[in-house]
PDB file of all heavy atoms in Angstrom:
ATOM      1  N   ARG A   1      10.233   4.708   2.337  1.00  0.00           N
ATOM      2  CA  ARG A   1       9.377   5.793   1.869  1.00  0.00           C
ATOM      3  C   ARG A   1       9.254   5.814   0.344  1.00  0.00           C
ATOM      4  O   ARG A   1       8.176   6.029  -0.207  1.00  0.00           O
ATOM      5  CB  ARG A   1       9.913   7.136   2.364  1.00  0.00           C
ATOM      6  CG  ARG A   1       9.018   8.325   2.003  1.00  0.00           C
ATOM      7  CD  ARG A   1       9.606   9.622   2.546  1.00  0.00           C
ATOM      8  NE  ARG A   1       8.760  10.753   2.237  1.00  0.00           N
ATOM      9  CZ  ARG A   1       7.747  11.168   2.980  1.00  0.00           C
ATOM     10  NH1 ARG A   1       7.444  10.513   4.077  1.00  0.00           N
ATOM     11  NH2 ARG A   1       7.042  12.223   2.630  1.00  0.00           N
ATOM     12  N   LEU A   2      10.352   5.605  -0.348  1.00  0.00           N
ATOM     13  CA  LEU A   2      10.317   5.671  -1.804  1.00  0.00           C
ATOM     14  C   LEU A   2       9.546   4.500  -2.407  1.00  0.00           C
ATOM     15  O   LEU A   2       8.917   4.635  -3.459  1.00  0.00           O
ATOM     16  CB  LEU A   2      11.736   5.727  -2.375  1.00  0.00           C
ATOM     17  CG  LEU A   2      12.566   6.926  -1.909  1.00  0.00           C
ATOM     18  CD1 LEU A   2      13.885   6.989  -2.645  1.00  0.00           C
ATOM     19  CD2 LEU A   2      11.791   8.219  -2.091  1.00  0.00           C
ATOM     20  N   VAL A   3       9.597   3.347  -1.757  1.00  0.00           N
ATOM     21  CA  VAL A   3       8.760   2.229  -2.196  1.00  0.00           C
ATOM     22  C   VAL A   3       7.290   2.615  -2.083  1.00  0.00           C
ATOM     23  O   VAL A   3       6.484   2.360  -2.988  1.00  0.00           O
ATOM     24  CB  VAL A   3       9.054   0.972  -1.346  1.00  0.00           C
ATOM     25  CG1 VAL A   3       8.126  -0.170  -1.753  1.00  0.00           C
ATOM     26  CG2 VAL A   3      10.509   0.551  -1.508  1.00  0.00           C
ATOM     27  N   HIS A   4       6.947   3.250  -0.979  1.00  0.00           N
ATOM     28  CA  HIS A   4       5.577   3.699  -0.760  1.00  0.00           C
ATOM     29  C   HIS A   4       5.146   4.664  -1.868  1.00  0.00           C
ATOM     30  O   HIS A   4       4.029   4.553  -2.404  1.00  0.00           O
ATOM     31  CB  HIS A   4       5.489   4.380   0.608  1.00  0.00           C
ATOM     32  CG  HIS A   4       4.147   4.918   0.944  1.00  0.00           C
ATOM     33  ND1 HIS A   4       3.112   4.127   1.389  1.00  0.00           N
ATOM     34  CD2 HIS A   4       3.652   6.192   0.891  1.00  0.00           C
ATOM     35  CE1 HIS A   4       2.039   4.875   1.601  1.00  0.00           C
ATOM     36  NE2 HIS A   4       2.341   6.127   1.308  1.00  0.00           N
ATOM     37  N   VAL A   5       6.010   5.593  -2.212  1.00  0.00           N
ATOM     38  CA  VAL A   5       5.683   6.586  -3.237  1.00  0.00           C
ATOM     39  C   VAL A   5       5.511   5.929  -4.601  1.00  0.00           C
ATOM     40  O   VAL A   5       4.542   6.197  -5.328  1.00  0.00           O
ATOM     41  CB  VAL A   5       6.773   7.666  -3.285  1.00  0.00           C
ATOM     42  CG1 VAL A   5       6.556   8.606  -4.467  1.00  0.00           C
ATOM     43  CG2 VAL A   5       6.791   8.460  -1.983  1.00  0.00           C
ATOM     44  N   VAL A   6       6.427   5.064  -4.972  1.00  0.00           N
ATOM     45  CA  VAL A   6       6.359   4.409  -6.274  1.00  0.00           C
ATOM     46  C   VAL A   6       5.101   3.558  -6.391  1.00  0.00           C
ATOM     47  O   VAL A   6       4.423   3.556  -7.430  1.00  0.00           O
ATOM     48  CB  VAL A   6       7.619   3.556  -6.509  1.00  0.00           C
ATOM     49  CG1 VAL A   6       7.448   2.657  -7.734  1.00  0.00           C
ATOM     50  CG2 VAL A   6       8.833   4.465  -6.695  1.00  0.00           C
ATOM     51  N   LEU A   7       4.746   2.838  -5.344  1.00  0.00           N
ATOM     52  CA  LEU A   7       3.547   2.007  -5.387  1.00  0.00           C
ATOM     53  C   LEU A   7       2.284   2.874  -5.443  1.00  0.00           C
ATOM     54  O   LEU A   7       1.285   2.484  -6.051  1.00  0.00           O
ATOM     55  CB  LEU A   7       3.502   1.080  -4.178  1.00  0.00           C
ATOM     56  CG  LEU A   7       4.581  -0.014  -4.164  1.00  0.00           C
ATOM     57  CD1 LEU A   7       4.476  -0.843  -2.883  1.00  0.00           C
ATOM     58  CD2 LEU A   7       4.459  -0.912  -5.384  1.00  0.00           C
ATOM     59  N   GLY A   8       2.336   4.049  -4.819  1.00  0.00           N
ATOM     60  CA  GLY A   8       1.209   4.969  -4.922  1.00  0.00           C
ATOM     61  C   GLY A   8       1.019   5.457  -6.343  1.00  0.00           C
ATOM     62  O   GLY A   8      -0.111   5.508  -6.860  1.00  0.00           O
ATOM     63  N   TYR A   9       2.121   5.823  -7.010  1.00  0.00           N
ATOM     64  CA  TYR A   9       2.031   6.214  -8.416  1.00  0.00           C
ATOM     65  C   TYR A   9       1.546   5.051  -9.280  1.00  0.00           C
ATOM     66  O   TYR A   9       0.824   5.242 -10.265  1.00  0.00           O
ATOM     67  CB  TYR A   9       3.386   6.713  -8.917  1.00  0.00           C
ATOM     68  CG  TYR A   9       3.755   8.093  -8.439  1.00  0.00           C
ATOM     69  CD1 TYR A   9       5.020   8.362  -7.922  1.00  0.00           C
ATOM     70  CD2 TYR A   9       2.842   9.135  -8.501  1.00  0.00           C
ATOM     71  CE1 TYR A   9       5.362   9.630  -7.480  1.00  0.00           C
ATOM     72  CE2 TYR A   9       3.178  10.406  -8.059  1.00  0.00           C
ATOM     73  CZ  TYR A   9       4.436  10.655  -7.557  1.00  0.00           C
ATOM     74  OH  TYR A   9       4.764  11.915  -7.119  1.00  0.00           O
ATOM     75  N   THR A  10       1.949   3.852  -8.916  1.00  0.00           N
ATOM     76  CA  THR A  10       1.498   2.681  -9.663  1.00  0.00           C
ATOM     77  C   THR A  10      -0.010   2.524  -9.565  1.00  0.00           C
ATOM     78  O   THR A  10      -0.687   2.231 -10.558  1.00  0.00           O
ATOM     79  CB  THR A  10       2.190   1.413  -9.140  1.00  0.00           C
ATOM     80  OG1 THR A  10       3.607   1.572  -9.207  1.00  0.00           O
ATOM     81  CG2 THR A  10       1.786   0.196  -9.965  1.00  0.00           C
ATOM     82  N   MET A  11      -0.554   2.722  -8.381  1.00  0.00           N
ATOM     83  CA  MET A  11      -2.005   2.647  -8.209  1.00  0.00           C
ATOM     84  C   MET A  11      -2.711   3.679  -9.075  1.00  0.00           C
ATOM     85  O   MET A  11      -3.747   3.395  -9.701  1.00  0.00           O
ATOM     86  CB  MET A  11      -2.377   2.846  -6.738  1.00  0.00           C
ATOM     87  CG  MET A  11      -2.004   1.697  -5.831  1.00  0.00           C
ATOM     88  SD  MET A  11      -2.384   2.048  -4.094  1.00  0.00           S
ATOM     89  CE  MET A  11      -4.157   2.294  -4.187  1.00  0.00           C
ATOM     90  N   ALA A  12      -2.163   4.890  -9.120  1.00  0.00           N
ATOM     91  CA  ALA A  12      -2.778   5.936  -9.940  1.00  0.00           C
ATOM     92  C   ALA A  12      -2.737   5.559 -11.418  1.00  0.00           C
ATOM     93  O   ALA A  12      -3.730   5.740 -12.149  1.00  0.00           O
ATOM     94  CB  ALA A  12      -2.061   7.262  -9.707  1.00  0.00           C
ATOM     95  N   GLY A  13      -1.600   5.032 -11.869  1.00  0.00           N
ATOM     96  CA  GLY A  13      -1.495   4.622 -13.261  1.00  0.00           C
ATOM     97  C   GLY A  13      -2.434   3.475 -13.598  1.00  0.00           C
ATOM     98  O   GLY A  13      -3.059   3.459 -14.669  1.00  0.00           O
ATOM     99  N   LEU A  14      -2.558   2.527 -12.694  1.00  0.00           N
ATOM    100  CA  LEU A  14      -3.464   1.402 -12.920  1.00  0.00           C
ATOM    101  C   LEU A  14      -4.911   1.866 -12.967  1.00  0.00           C
ATOM    102  O   LEU A  14      -5.708   1.359 -13.783  1.00  0.00           O
ATOM    103  CB  LEU A  14      -3.277   0.355 -11.819  1.00  0.00           C
ATOM    104  CG  LEU A  14      -2.004  -0.484 -11.894  1.00  0.00           C
ATOM    105  CD1 LEU A  14      -1.826  -1.294 -10.618  1.00  0.00           C
ATOM    106  CD2 LEU A  14      -2.026  -1.412 -13.108  1.00  0.00           C
ATOM    107  N   LEU A  15      -5.265   2.817 -12.106  1.00  0.00           N
ATOM    108  CA  LEU A  15      -6.623   3.342 -12.148  1.00  0.00           C
ATOM    109  C   LEU A  15      -6.897   4.023 -13.483  1.00  0.00           C
ATOM    110  O   LEU A  15      -7.973   3.850 -14.069  1.00  0.00           O
ATOM    111  CB  LEU A  15      -6.842   4.322 -10.997  1.00  0.00           C
ATOM    112  CG  LEU A  15      -8.217   5.001 -10.976  1.00  0.00           C
ATOM    113  CD1 LEU A  15      -9.322   3.982 -10.748  1.00  0.00           C
ATOM    114  CD2 LEU A  15      -8.263   6.101  -9.917  1.00  0.00           C
ATOM    115  N   GLY A  16      -5.922   4.814 -13.964  1.00  0.00           N
ATOM    116  CA  GLY A  16      -6.096   5.452 -15.268  1.00  0.00           C
ATOM    117  C   GLY A  16      -6.294   4.428 -16.374  1.00  0.00           C
ATOM    118  O   GLY A  16      -7.139   4.609 -17.265  1.00  0.00           O
ATOM    119  N   TRP A  17      -5.515   3.345 -16.315  1.00  0.00           N
ATOM    120  CA  TRP A  17      -5.680   2.290 -17.330  1.00  0.00           C
ATOM    121  C   TRP A  17      -7.048   1.651 -17.222  1.00  0.00           C
ATOM    122  O   TRP A  17      -7.698   1.394 -18.247  1.00  0.00           O
ATOM    123  CB  TRP A  17      -4.600   1.225 -17.137  1.00  0.00           C
ATOM    124  CG  TRP A  17      -4.718   0.107 -18.122  1.00  0.00           C
ATOM    125  CD1 TRP A  17      -4.139   0.036 -19.350  1.00  0.00           C
ATOM    126  CD2 TRP A  17      -5.500  -1.089 -17.971  1.00  0.00           C
ATOM    127  NE1 TRP A  17      -4.509  -1.133 -19.986  1.00  0.00           N
ATOM    128  CE2 TRP A  17      -5.344  -1.843 -19.160  1.00  0.00           C
ATOM    129  CE3 TRP A  17      -6.304  -1.601 -16.955  1.00  0.00           C
ATOM    130  CZ2 TRP A  17      -5.967  -3.076 -19.349  1.00  0.00           C
ATOM    131  CZ3 TRP A  17      -6.930  -2.829 -17.144  1.00  0.00           C
ATOM    132  CH2 TRP A  17      -6.753  -3.548 -18.329  1.00  0.00           C
ATOM    133  N   ARG A  18      -7.521   1.411 -16.001  1.00  0.00           N
ATOM    134  CA  ARG A  18      -8.822   0.760 -15.837  1.00  0.00           C
ATOM    135  C   ARG A  18      -9.958   1.637 -16.330  1.00  0.00           C
ATOM    136  O   ARG A  18     -10.934   1.146 -16.913  1.00  0.00           O
ATOM    137  CB  ARG A  18      -9.038   0.398 -14.362  1.00  0.00           C
ATOM    138  CG  ARG A  18     -10.342  -0.368 -14.110  1.00  0.00           C
ATOM    139  CD  ARG A  18     -10.332  -1.683 -14.854  1.00  0.00           C
ATOM    140  NE  ARG A  18     -11.584  -2.410 -14.701  1.00  0.00           N
ATOM    141  CZ  ARG A  18     -12.635  -2.293 -15.505  1.00  0.00           C
ATOM    142  NH1 ARG A  18     -12.585  -1.438 -16.533  1.00  0.00           N
ATOM    143  NH2 ARG A  18     -13.717  -2.998 -15.316  1.00  0.00           N
ATOM    144  N   VAL A  19      -9.852   2.932 -16.103  1.00  0.00           N
ATOM    145  CA  VAL A  19     -10.875   3.851 -16.609  1.00  0.00           C
ATOM    146  C   VAL A  19     -10.883   3.832 -18.133  1.00  0.00           C
ATOM    147  O   VAL A  19     -11.955   3.772 -18.761  1.00  0.00           O
ATOM    148  CB  VAL A  19     -10.636   5.274 -16.070  1.00  0.00           C
ATOM    149  CG1 VAL A  19     -11.543   6.284 -16.771  1.00  0.00           C
ATOM    150  CG2 VAL A  19     -10.871   5.312 -14.560  1.00  0.00           C
ATOM    151  N   LEU A  20      -9.698   3.872 -18.735  1.00  0.00           N
ATOM    152  CA  LEU A  20      -9.618   3.833 -20.201  1.00  0.00           C
ATOM    153  C   LEU A  20     -10.168   2.520 -20.733  1.00  0.00           C
ATOM    154  O   LEU A  20     -10.938   2.504 -21.712  1.00  0.00           O
ATOM    155  CB  LEU A  20      -8.164   4.019 -20.639  1.00  0.00           C
ATOM    156  CG  LEU A  20      -7.913   4.024 -22.157  1.00  0.00           C
ATOM    157  CD1 LEU A  20      -8.644   5.188 -22.808  1.00  0.00           C
ATOM    158  CD2 LEU A  20      -6.412   4.100 -22.451  1.00  0.00           C
ATOM    159  N   TYR A  21      -9.802   1.413 -20.096  1.00  0.00           N
ATOM    160  CA  TYR A  21     -10.304   0.100 -20.514  1.00  0.00           C
ATOM    161  C   TYR A  21     -11.813   0.013 -20.318  1.00  0.00           C
ATOM    162  O   TYR A  21     -12.519  -0.630 -21.101  1.00  0.00           O
ATOM    163  CB  TYR A  21      -9.598  -0.998 -19.705  1.00  0.00           C
ATOM    164  CG  TYR A  21      -9.768  -2.398 -20.243  1.00  0.00           C
ATOM    165  CD1 TYR A  21      -9.577  -2.680 -21.596  1.00  0.00           C
ATOM    166  CD2 TYR A  21     -10.092  -3.451 -19.393  1.00  0.00           C
ATOM    167  CE1 TYR A  21      -9.712  -3.963 -22.089  1.00  0.00           C
ATOM    168  CE2 TYR A  21     -10.232  -4.744 -19.876  1.00  0.00           C
ATOM    169  CZ  TYR A  21     -10.035  -4.992 -21.220  1.00  0.00           C
ATOM    170  OH  TYR A  21     -10.185  -6.274 -21.716  1.00  0.00           O
ATOM    171  N   GLY A  22     -12.303   0.664 -19.280  1.00  0.00           N
ATOM    172  CA  GLY A  22     -13.735   0.660 -19.023  1.00  0.00           C
ATOM    173  C   GLY A  22     -14.516   1.538 -19.978  1.00  0.00           C
ATOM    174  O   GLY A  22     -15.746   1.430 -20.038  1.00  0.00           O
ATOM    175  N   LEU A  23     -13.842   2.402 -20.708  1.00  0.00           N
ATOM    176  CA  LEU A  23     -14.510   3.259 -21.676  1.00  0.00           C
ATOM    177  C   LEU A  23     -14.476   2.697 -23.087  1.00  0.00           C
ATOM    178  O   LEU A  23     -15.443   2.848 -23.847  1.00  0.00           O
ATOM    179  CB  LEU A  23     -13.874   4.660 -21.663  1.00  0.00           C
ATOM    180  CG  LEU A  23     -14.057   5.478 -20.381  1.00  0.00           C
ATOM    181  CD1 LEU A  23     -13.281   6.784 -20.474  1.00  0.00           C
ATOM    182  CD2 LEU A  23     -15.534   5.750 -20.110  1.00  0.00           C
ATOM    183  N   VAL A  24     -13.358   2.056 -23.451  1.00  0.00           N
ATOM    184  CA  VAL A  24     -13.208   1.589 -24.838  1.00  0.00           C
ATOM    185  C   VAL A  24     -13.055   0.079 -24.927  1.00  0.00           C
ATOM    186  O   VAL A  24     -12.953  -0.453 -26.042  1.00  0.00           O
ATOM    187  CB  VAL A  24     -11.990   2.269 -25.506  1.00  0.00           C
ATOM    188  CG1 VAL A  24     -12.137   3.772 -25.502  1.00  0.00           C
ATOM    189  CG2 VAL A  24     -10.678   1.856 -24.804  1.00  0.00           C
TER     190      VAL A  24
END
C-alpha cells in the first residue's frame, strides 16, 4: 500500500514539473 501511495505522489509531482516546464 505504501509503495502505491508514494508512486501516486510521484505522479503528482512529475505532473507539476511538466506543467512548469511547459510554461517556461
